[in-house]
Amino acid sequence: MLLNGGVWLVNFFYGFPIWACLAIAFIPAAITALVVRPFAKTLVEDQGTTVLRDRVFGLASAAFVFVVALSTNTLWQQDVDIASAAREMVVSGQEVVLQVDQEELSNRDEIVEALSDFLREVNANETQMGPLLGTPEVNQALKDARSLIFANTDSIDNQDSMDSAFKELIQDRGDYLSALNQPGIPDILWVAVIILGLLLIATFALYPIARSRRFSTTATAVAVFAVGLIQLPMWVLNSSTQVEKMVQPYLADGVGEAIPTEPPIVGQMVAAVAVATLGVAIAGALFYFGQRKLSHHHAAPPDDNYLSQHDLLRQIRDSLQSVEGAGATRVGQSASDESSPDDRQS
C-alpha cells in the first residue's frame, strides 16, 4: 500500500477488506445517531430552529447523495477498466499461443505453461496499486515465457508476427498496470462523504421525539441503515479485495479457452443498488409519516378557554366600544353638573 503525498486517503481506503468496508459504512452513522439523539429532548422547538434544521437536513441529504453517486460511478468505471484490461491481457496471451500453434513449435506445451504461470503471477502479485513497471516476480515470469518462445528463432518462419504478438501482450500488461494505478477519487471527496453522512444522521436524529418512542427509535435506525446502504457500493468498489475478485476470473486459469465476457460484479452491483434504493424509500416513508404523526401529537387540544384570533379581535373591539360608551356617559354627566343655576331652577 502506498501512502504518499496527495492521495494518501485513496491508498488508505483501498487497502480495506470487505468487512472493514461494511464497518465504515454503518458504524460511524450508528455512533453519531446514538450520541446526538438524546439532545432532541432538550432542543428548543421554535420556528427558527425548525427552519434551520429542515434546511440543513435538505442540503446535507442532497449533497451526500450527489457526492456518493459521483464517487460510486467513478470507482465503478475504474474497476471495470481494470477488469477489461486484465481480460485484454489474457486475450493477448491466447493470441501468442495461436501464433505458436501456427509456427508448430516443438516446445508448445512449455510455452503455454509459462504464459499461464505469468498470468497467475499477475493474479498473485499485481492486483494492488504499485509500480507501473510491475513486480519482480511477474517480470521474471514474462522473461521466462519469452525465452521459451524465442529459444530457437530458426524454427520460426514468421518472426515479425511472433514479435508483434508478444509485444501486444507486453503492451496490454502495461495498460493493465496503468488501469490498476488509477487515482481513484480525490481525497476531498472522501472527506466530504464522511462529513456529509455524519451531518445527515445528526440532523435527522435532532428531529423531535414523537410520543411513540419506539417509532422514533425505529425511524432513526432505518435512517442509519439507509445511509450505510447508499455509500456501501462506493466503499466496496474502492476495496482492493473487490479488485482482486474482478480480475481473478480472468487470470486464474492462465491462457485457458474460457474467458468471461463481463465483469463479475455486475449482478452484485445491481442487487446492491436495488437494496440501497429500497432502503432510501423506506427511510423517506418513515420520515414523512413520522413528521405527520408528530405534528398531530404536538397540536394543542381545544378547550373552553381557547380563543381563535377572530374571537380575540372581536372581544378587543367590544371592550373598546364599551370603554368609549362609558367615557361618553361620564362626559355627559359632567356637562350636566356644570350647567348654570338658572338652568337648574327652570
Protein backbone atom coordinates (compact mmCIF):
# COMPACT_ATOMS: atom_id res chain seq x y z
CA MET A 1 0.00 0.00 0.00
CA LEU A 2 1.32 3.41 -0.94
CA LEU A 3 0.84 6.26 1.48
CA ASN A 4 2.39 9.06 -0.50
CA GLY A 5 1.55 12.75 -0.59
CA GLY A 6 -1.64 13.88 -2.23
CA VAL A 7 -3.58 10.61 -2.46
CA TRP A 8 -2.96 9.07 0.93
CA LEU A 9 -6.68 8.61 1.67
CA VAL A 10 -7.18 6.85 -1.67
CA ASN A 11 -4.48 4.33 -0.88
CA PHE A 12 -5.53 4.07 2.76
CA PHE A 13 -9.13 3.16 1.96
CA TYR A 14 -8.04 1.00 -0.97
CA GLY A 15 -6.38 -1.40 1.43
CA PHE A 16 -9.59 -2.05 3.38
CA PRO A 17 -11.01 -5.59 3.21
CA ILE A 18 -14.72 -6.07 2.59
CA TRP A 19 -15.60 -6.43 6.27
CA ALA A 20 -13.91 -3.11 7.02
CA CYS A 21 -15.94 -1.50 4.21
CA LEU A 22 -19.13 -2.73 5.88
CA ALA A 23 -17.97 -1.36 9.21
CA ILE A 24 -17.03 2.08 7.92
CA ALA A 25 -20.32 2.39 6.01
CA PHE A 26 -22.59 1.69 9.00
CA ILE A 27 -20.75 2.11 12.33
CA PRO A 28 -19.91 5.87 12.21
CA ALA A 29 -23.52 6.69 11.32
CA ALA A 30 -24.82 4.48 14.14
CA ILE A 31 -22.48 6.05 16.69
CA THR A 32 -23.49 9.55 15.58
CA ALA A 33 -27.18 8.71 15.98
CA LEU A 34 -26.63 7.28 19.48
CA VAL A 35 -24.66 10.35 20.59
CA VAL A 36 -26.90 13.03 19.07
CA ARG A 37 -30.34 11.50 19.64
CA PRO A 38 -30.61 12.41 23.38
CA PHE A 39 -30.18 16.11 22.52
CA ALA A 40 -33.51 16.04 20.66
CA LYS A 41 -35.25 16.14 24.06
CA THR A 42 -33.53 19.38 25.11
CA LEU A 43 -33.72 21.20 21.78
CA VAL A 44 -35.97 24.28 21.92
CA GLU A 45 -38.67 23.89 19.29
CA ASP A 46 -39.31 27.34 17.84
CA GLN A 47 -39.80 28.46 14.26
CA GLY A 48 -36.16 29.44 13.75
CA THR A 49 -34.86 26.09 14.98
CA THR A 50 -37.29 24.16 12.81
CA VAL A 51 -36.45 26.10 9.66
CA LEU A 52 -32.70 25.83 10.24
CA ARG A 53 -32.84 22.09 10.92
CA ASP A 54 -35.00 21.41 7.86
CA ARG A 55 -32.68 23.41 5.60
CA VAL A 56 -29.54 21.74 6.95
CA PHE A 57 -31.13 18.30 6.56
CA GLY A 58 -32.23 19.03 3.00
CA LEU A 59 -28.86 20.45 1.99
CA ALA A 60 -26.89 17.62 3.65
CA SER A 61 -29.04 14.88 2.12
CA ALA A 62 -28.86 16.34 -1.40
CA ALA A 63 -25.09 16.91 -1.21
CA PHE A 64 -24.50 13.47 0.33
CA VAL A 65 -26.42 11.60 -2.36
CA PHE A 66 -24.73 13.62 -5.13
CA VAL A 67 -21.18 13.08 -3.84
CA VAL A 68 -21.74 9.37 -3.18
CA ALA A 69 -23.30 8.86 -6.62
CA LEU A 70 -20.44 10.69 -8.31
CA SER A 71 -17.80 8.74 -6.37
CA THR A 72 -19.53 5.39 -6.93
CA ASN A 73 -19.79 5.99 -10.66
CA THR A 74 -16.09 6.96 -10.87
CA LEU A 75 -14.92 3.93 -8.90
CA TRP A 76 -17.22 1.59 -10.84
CA GLN A 77 -15.77 2.81 -14.13
CA GLN A 78 -12.22 2.41 -12.84
CA ASP A 79 -12.88 -1.15 -11.64
CA VAL A 80 -14.45 -2.03 -14.98
CA ASP A 81 -11.37 -0.61 -16.73
CA ILE A 82 -9.11 -2.79 -14.57
CA ALA A 83 -11.15 -5.92 -15.29
CA SER A 84 -11.27 -5.12 -19.01
CA ALA A 85 -7.51 -4.56 -19.10
CA ALA A 86 -6.97 -7.93 -17.37
CA ARG A 87 -9.19 -9.61 -19.94
CA GLU A 88 -7.31 -7.98 -22.84
CA MET A 89 -4.04 -9.24 -21.35
CA VAL A 90 -5.38 -12.80 -21.28
CA VAL A 91 -6.63 -12.45 -24.87
CA SER A 92 -3.15 -11.31 -25.92
CA GLY A 93 -1.66 -14.37 -24.22
CA GLN A 94 -4.04 -16.56 -26.18
CA GLU A 95 -3.01 -14.79 -29.40
CA VAL A 96 0.60 -15.69 -28.63
CA VAL A 97 -0.43 -19.34 -28.20
CA LEU A 98 -2.26 -19.26 -31.54
CA GLN A 99 0.86 -17.87 -33.18
CA VAL A 100 2.93 -20.64 -31.57
CA ASP A 101 0.48 -23.20 -32.95
CA GLN A 102 0.82 -21.73 -36.41
CA GLU A 103 4.60 -21.97 -36.19
CA GLU A 104 4.25 -25.54 -34.84
CA LEU A 105 6.97 -25.03 -32.24
CA SER A 106 8.10 -28.22 -30.59
CA ASN A 107 8.02 -26.76 -27.05
CA ARG A 108 4.43 -25.56 -27.39
CA ASP A 109 3.24 -27.10 -24.09
CA GLU A 110 6.11 -25.46 -22.17
CA ILE A 111 5.25 -22.07 -23.69
CA VAL A 112 1.58 -22.42 -22.76
CA GLU A 113 2.53 -23.35 -19.19
CA ALA A 114 4.95 -20.40 -18.98
CA LEU A 115 2.30 -17.94 -20.18
CA SER A 116 -0.19 -19.39 -17.72
CA ASP A 117 2.37 -19.03 -14.92
CA PHE A 118 2.85 -15.40 -15.96
CA LEU A 119 -0.88 -14.67 -15.64
CA ARG A 120 -1.08 -16.50 -12.31
CA GLU A 121 1.82 -14.40 -11.02
CA VAL A 122 -0.09 -11.28 -12.08
CA ASN A 123 -3.11 -12.55 -10.15
CA ALA A 124 -0.96 -13.23 -7.09
CA ASN A 125 1.27 -10.14 -7.08
CA GLU A 126 -0.25 -7.38 -9.23
CA THR A 127 -3.77 -6.73 -8.01
CA GLN A 128 -2.66 -3.95 -5.65
CA MET A 129 -1.64 -0.44 -6.61
CA GLY A 130 2.11 -0.44 -7.14
CA PRO A 131 4.93 0.39 -9.54
CA LEU A 132 3.94 0.88 -13.18
CA LEU A 133 6.91 -1.28 -14.23
CA GLY A 134 5.44 -4.27 -12.39
CA THR A 135 6.71 -6.54 -9.65
CA PRO A 136 9.94 -8.57 -9.98
CA GLU A 137 8.11 -11.92 -9.83
CA VAL A 138 5.84 -11.07 -12.77
CA ASN A 139 8.68 -9.54 -14.77
CA GLN A 140 10.71 -12.71 -14.34
CA ALA A 141 7.77 -14.92 -15.37
CA LEU A 142 7.35 -12.85 -18.53
CA LYS A 143 11.05 -13.16 -19.33
CA ASP A 144 10.89 -16.93 -18.89
CA ALA A 145 7.96 -17.14 -21.31
CA ARG A 146 9.81 -15.04 -23.87
CA SER A 147 12.93 -17.19 -23.57
CA LEU A 148 10.92 -20.32 -24.33
CA ILE A 149 9.15 -18.71 -27.29
CA PHE A 150 12.32 -17.42 -28.93
CA ALA A 151 14.63 -20.22 -27.79
CA ASN A 152 15.12 -21.36 -31.39
CA THR A 153 14.48 -18.46 -33.78
CA ASP A 154 15.48 -20.58 -36.76
CA SER A 155 12.32 -22.64 -36.32
CA ILE A 156 10.10 -19.54 -36.54
CA ASP A 157 9.15 -18.86 -40.14
CA ASN A 158 7.29 -15.59 -39.46
CA GLN A 159 9.50 -13.79 -36.93
CA ASP A 160 7.69 -10.45 -37.25
CA SER A 161 4.28 -11.94 -36.48
CA MET A 162 5.61 -13.66 -33.37
CA ASP A 163 7.34 -10.46 -32.20
CA SER A 164 4.17 -8.46 -32.79
CA ALA A 165 2.04 -10.90 -30.80
CA PHE A 166 4.42 -10.88 -27.86
CA LYS A 167 4.77 -7.08 -27.89
CA GLU A 168 0.98 -6.83 -27.81
CA LEU A 169 0.99 -8.94 -24.65
CA ILE A 170 3.57 -6.62 -23.06
CA GLN A 171 1.54 -3.55 -24.08
CA ASP A 172 -1.67 -4.97 -22.63
CA ARG A 173 0.12 -5.71 -19.38
CA GLY A 174 1.26 -2.06 -19.28
CA ASP A 175 -2.33 -0.94 -19.84
CA TYR A 176 -3.43 -3.21 -17.01
CA LEU A 177 -0.90 -1.68 -14.62
CA SER A 178 -1.97 1.81 -15.68
CA ALA A 179 -5.63 0.99 -15.02
CA LEU A 180 -4.72 -0.58 -11.69
CA ASN A 181 -2.91 2.59 -10.60
CA GLN A 182 -5.73 5.00 -11.41
CA PRO A 183 -6.00 7.60 -8.65
CA GLY A 184 -9.50 6.65 -7.51
CA ILE A 185 -11.46 9.66 -6.28
CA PRO A 186 -9.83 12.80 -4.81
CA ASP A 187 -9.20 12.97 -1.09
CA ILE A 188 -11.62 15.88 -0.75
CA LEU A 189 -14.50 13.66 -1.88
CA TRP A 190 -13.68 11.06 0.76
CA VAL A 191 -13.72 13.80 3.41
CA ALA A 192 -16.99 15.19 2.00
CA VAL A 193 -18.69 11.79 2.05
CA ILE A 194 -17.72 11.17 5.67
CA ILE A 195 -18.69 14.64 6.92
CA LEU A 196 -21.95 14.83 4.96
CA GLY A 197 -23.01 11.36 6.09
CA LEU A 198 -22.45 12.22 9.75
CA LEU A 199 -24.18 15.61 9.35
CA LEU A 200 -27.16 13.95 7.67
CA ILE A 201 -27.61 11.46 10.50
CA ALA A 202 -27.04 14.14 13.16
CA THR A 203 -29.75 16.44 11.79
CA PHE A 204 -32.15 13.52 11.38
CA ALA A 205 -31.52 12.47 14.98
CA LEU A 206 -32.29 16.02 16.19
CA TYR A 207 -35.88 15.91 14.97
CA PRO A 208 -38.38 15.96 17.86
CA ILE A 209 -39.12 12.69 19.58
CA ALA A 210 -42.69 11.65 18.98
CA ARG A 211 -44.91 10.32 21.72
CA SER A 212 -44.14 6.83 20.44
CA ARG A 213 -40.51 6.38 21.44
CA ARG A 214 -40.39 3.02 19.70
CA PHE A 215 -41.37 4.64 16.40
CA SER A 216 -38.68 7.32 16.81
CA THR A 217 -36.02 4.72 17.54
CA THR A 218 -37.10 2.63 14.56
CA ALA A 219 -37.08 5.63 12.21
CA THR A 220 -33.57 6.61 13.31
CA ALA A 221 -32.30 3.05 12.91
CA VAL A 222 -33.77 2.85 9.40
CA ALA A 223 -32.14 6.18 8.53
CA VAL A 224 -28.74 4.89 9.70
CA PHE A 225 -29.26 1.71 7.68
CA ALA A 226 -30.23 3.70 4.57
CA VAL A 227 -27.19 5.99 4.83
CA GLY A 228 -24.95 2.94 5.15
CA LEU A 229 -26.55 1.23 2.14
CA ILE A 230 -26.24 4.34 -0.02
CA GLN A 231 -22.49 4.58 0.49
CA LEU A 232 -21.74 0.85 0.76
CA PRO A 233 -21.21 0.26 -3.01
CA MET A 234 -18.69 3.10 -3.02
CA TRP A 235 -16.61 1.57 -0.23
CA VAL A 236 -16.81 -1.90 -1.76
CA LEU A 237 -15.76 -0.73 -5.22
CA ASN A 238 -12.75 1.04 -3.72
CA SER A 239 -11.57 -2.05 -1.86
CA SER A 240 -8.53 -3.95 -3.11
CA THR A 241 -10.39 -7.15 -2.22
CA GLN A 242 -13.09 -6.27 -4.75
CA VAL A 243 -10.48 -5.53 -7.44
CA GLU A 244 -8.99 -8.96 -6.83
CA LYS A 245 -12.42 -10.55 -7.22
CA MET A 246 -12.92 -8.76 -10.52
CA VAL A 247 -9.62 -9.74 -12.15
CA GLN A 248 -9.29 -13.22 -10.64
CA PRO A 249 -11.76 -14.93 -13.04
CA TYR A 250 -9.68 -13.72 -15.99
CA LEU A 251 -6.22 -14.51 -14.66
CA ALA A 252 -6.62 -17.63 -12.52
CA ASP A 253 -6.97 -20.07 -15.44
CA GLY A 254 -3.98 -18.74 -17.36
CA VAL A 255 -4.42 -18.86 -21.13
CA GLY A 256 -7.41 -21.20 -20.92
CA GLU A 257 -10.11 -21.03 -23.55
CA ALA A 258 -12.98 -19.88 -21.29
CA ILE A 259 -12.87 -16.12 -20.66
CA PRO A 260 -15.76 -14.25 -19.02
CA THR A 261 -17.31 -11.61 -21.26
CA GLU A 262 -18.49 -9.24 -18.49
CA PRO A 263 -17.04 -8.10 -15.16
CA PRO A 264 -18.30 -10.50 -12.47
CA ILE A 265 -19.50 -7.68 -10.23
CA VAL A 266 -22.40 -6.58 -12.47
CA GLY A 267 -25.01 -8.72 -10.72
CA GLN A 268 -23.73 -7.76 -7.29
CA MET A 269 -23.88 -4.06 -8.11
CA VAL A 270 -27.44 -4.32 -9.43
CA ALA A 271 -28.53 -6.06 -6.22
CA ALA A 272 -26.69 -3.52 -4.04
CA VAL A 273 -28.26 -0.55 -5.85
CA ALA A 274 -31.71 -2.14 -5.60
CA VAL A 275 -31.33 -2.73 -1.86
CA ALA A 276 -29.99 0.80 -1.35
CA THR A 277 -32.91 2.30 -3.28
CA LEU A 278 -35.37 0.25 -1.24
CA GLY A 279 -33.71 1.39 1.98
CA VAL A 280 -33.89 5.05 0.98
CA ALA A 281 -37.56 4.68 0.04
CA ILE A 282 -38.37 3.06 3.40
CA ALA A 283 -36.45 5.73 5.29
CA GLY A 284 -38.22 8.52 3.36
CA ALA A 285 -41.63 6.98 4.02
CA LEU A 286 -40.96 6.55 7.73
CA PHE A 287 -39.68 10.11 7.99
CA TYR A 288 -42.75 11.51 6.18
CA PHE A 289 -45.31 9.62 8.24
CA GLY A 290 -43.33 10.29 11.40
CA GLN A 291 -43.46 14.03 10.79
CA ARG A 292 -47.21 13.85 10.20
CA LYS A 293 -47.72 11.81 13.35
CA LEU A 294 -45.52 14.20 15.31
CA SER A 295 -47.45 17.24 14.11
CA HIS A 296 -50.74 15.62 15.20
CA HIS A 297 -49.35 14.76 18.63
CA HIS A 298 -47.97 18.24 19.22
CA ALA A 299 -51.19 20.01 18.19
CA ALA A 300 -52.78 21.69 21.24
CA PRO A 301 -56.21 20.18 22.08
CA PRO A 302 -59.09 22.63 22.03
CA ASP A 303 -60.63 23.59 25.41
CA ASP A 304 -63.15 26.07 26.76
CA ASN A 305 -60.54 28.76 27.37
CA TYR A 306 -59.14 28.56 23.84
CA LEU A 307 -59.86 31.62 21.68
CA SER A 308 -59.21 31.92 17.99
CA GLN A 309 -57.67 35.08 16.60
CA HIS A 310 -61.02 36.17 15.22
CA ASP A 311 -62.74 35.74 18.61
CA LEU A 312 -59.92 37.58 20.35
CA LEU A 313 -60.12 40.55 17.98
CA ARG A 314 -63.90 40.66 18.41
CA GLN A 315 -63.56 40.73 22.20
CA ILE A 316 -60.99 43.51 22.00
CA ARG A 317 -63.32 45.53 19.72
CA ASP A 318 -66.27 45.04 22.08
CA SER A 319 -64.15 46.11 25.05
CA LEU A 320 -63.03 49.26 23.26
CA GLN A 321 -66.62 50.09 22.35
CA SER A 322 -67.65 49.58 25.98
CA VAL A 323 -64.88 51.88 27.15
CA GLU A 324 -65.89 54.54 24.62
CA GLY A 325 -69.53 54.28 25.69
CA ALA A 326 -68.61 54.61 29.35
CA GLY A 327 -66.45 57.62 28.58
CA ALA A 328 -69.24 59.34 26.67
CA THR A 329 -71.65 58.82 29.60
CA ARG A 330 -69.18 60.36 32.05
CA VAL A 331 -68.70 63.37 29.78
CA GLY A 332 -72.47 63.89 29.60
CA GLN A 333 -72.81 63.73 33.36
CA SER A 334 -70.01 66.26 33.86
CA ALA A 335 -71.62 68.64 31.41
CA SER A 336 -74.92 68.34 33.25
CA ASP A 337 -73.27 69.05 36.63
CA GLU A 338 -71.57 72.18 35.29
CA SER A 339 -74.78 73.72 33.87
CA SER A 340 -75.93 77.23 35.17
CA PRO A 341 -78.13 77.75 38.34
CA ASP A 342 -80.87 79.31 36.19
CA ASP A 343 -81.00 76.22 34.12
CA ARG A 344 -81.26 74.10 37.25
CA GLN A 345 -84.02 76.37 38.63
CA SER A 346 -86.00 76.28 35.44
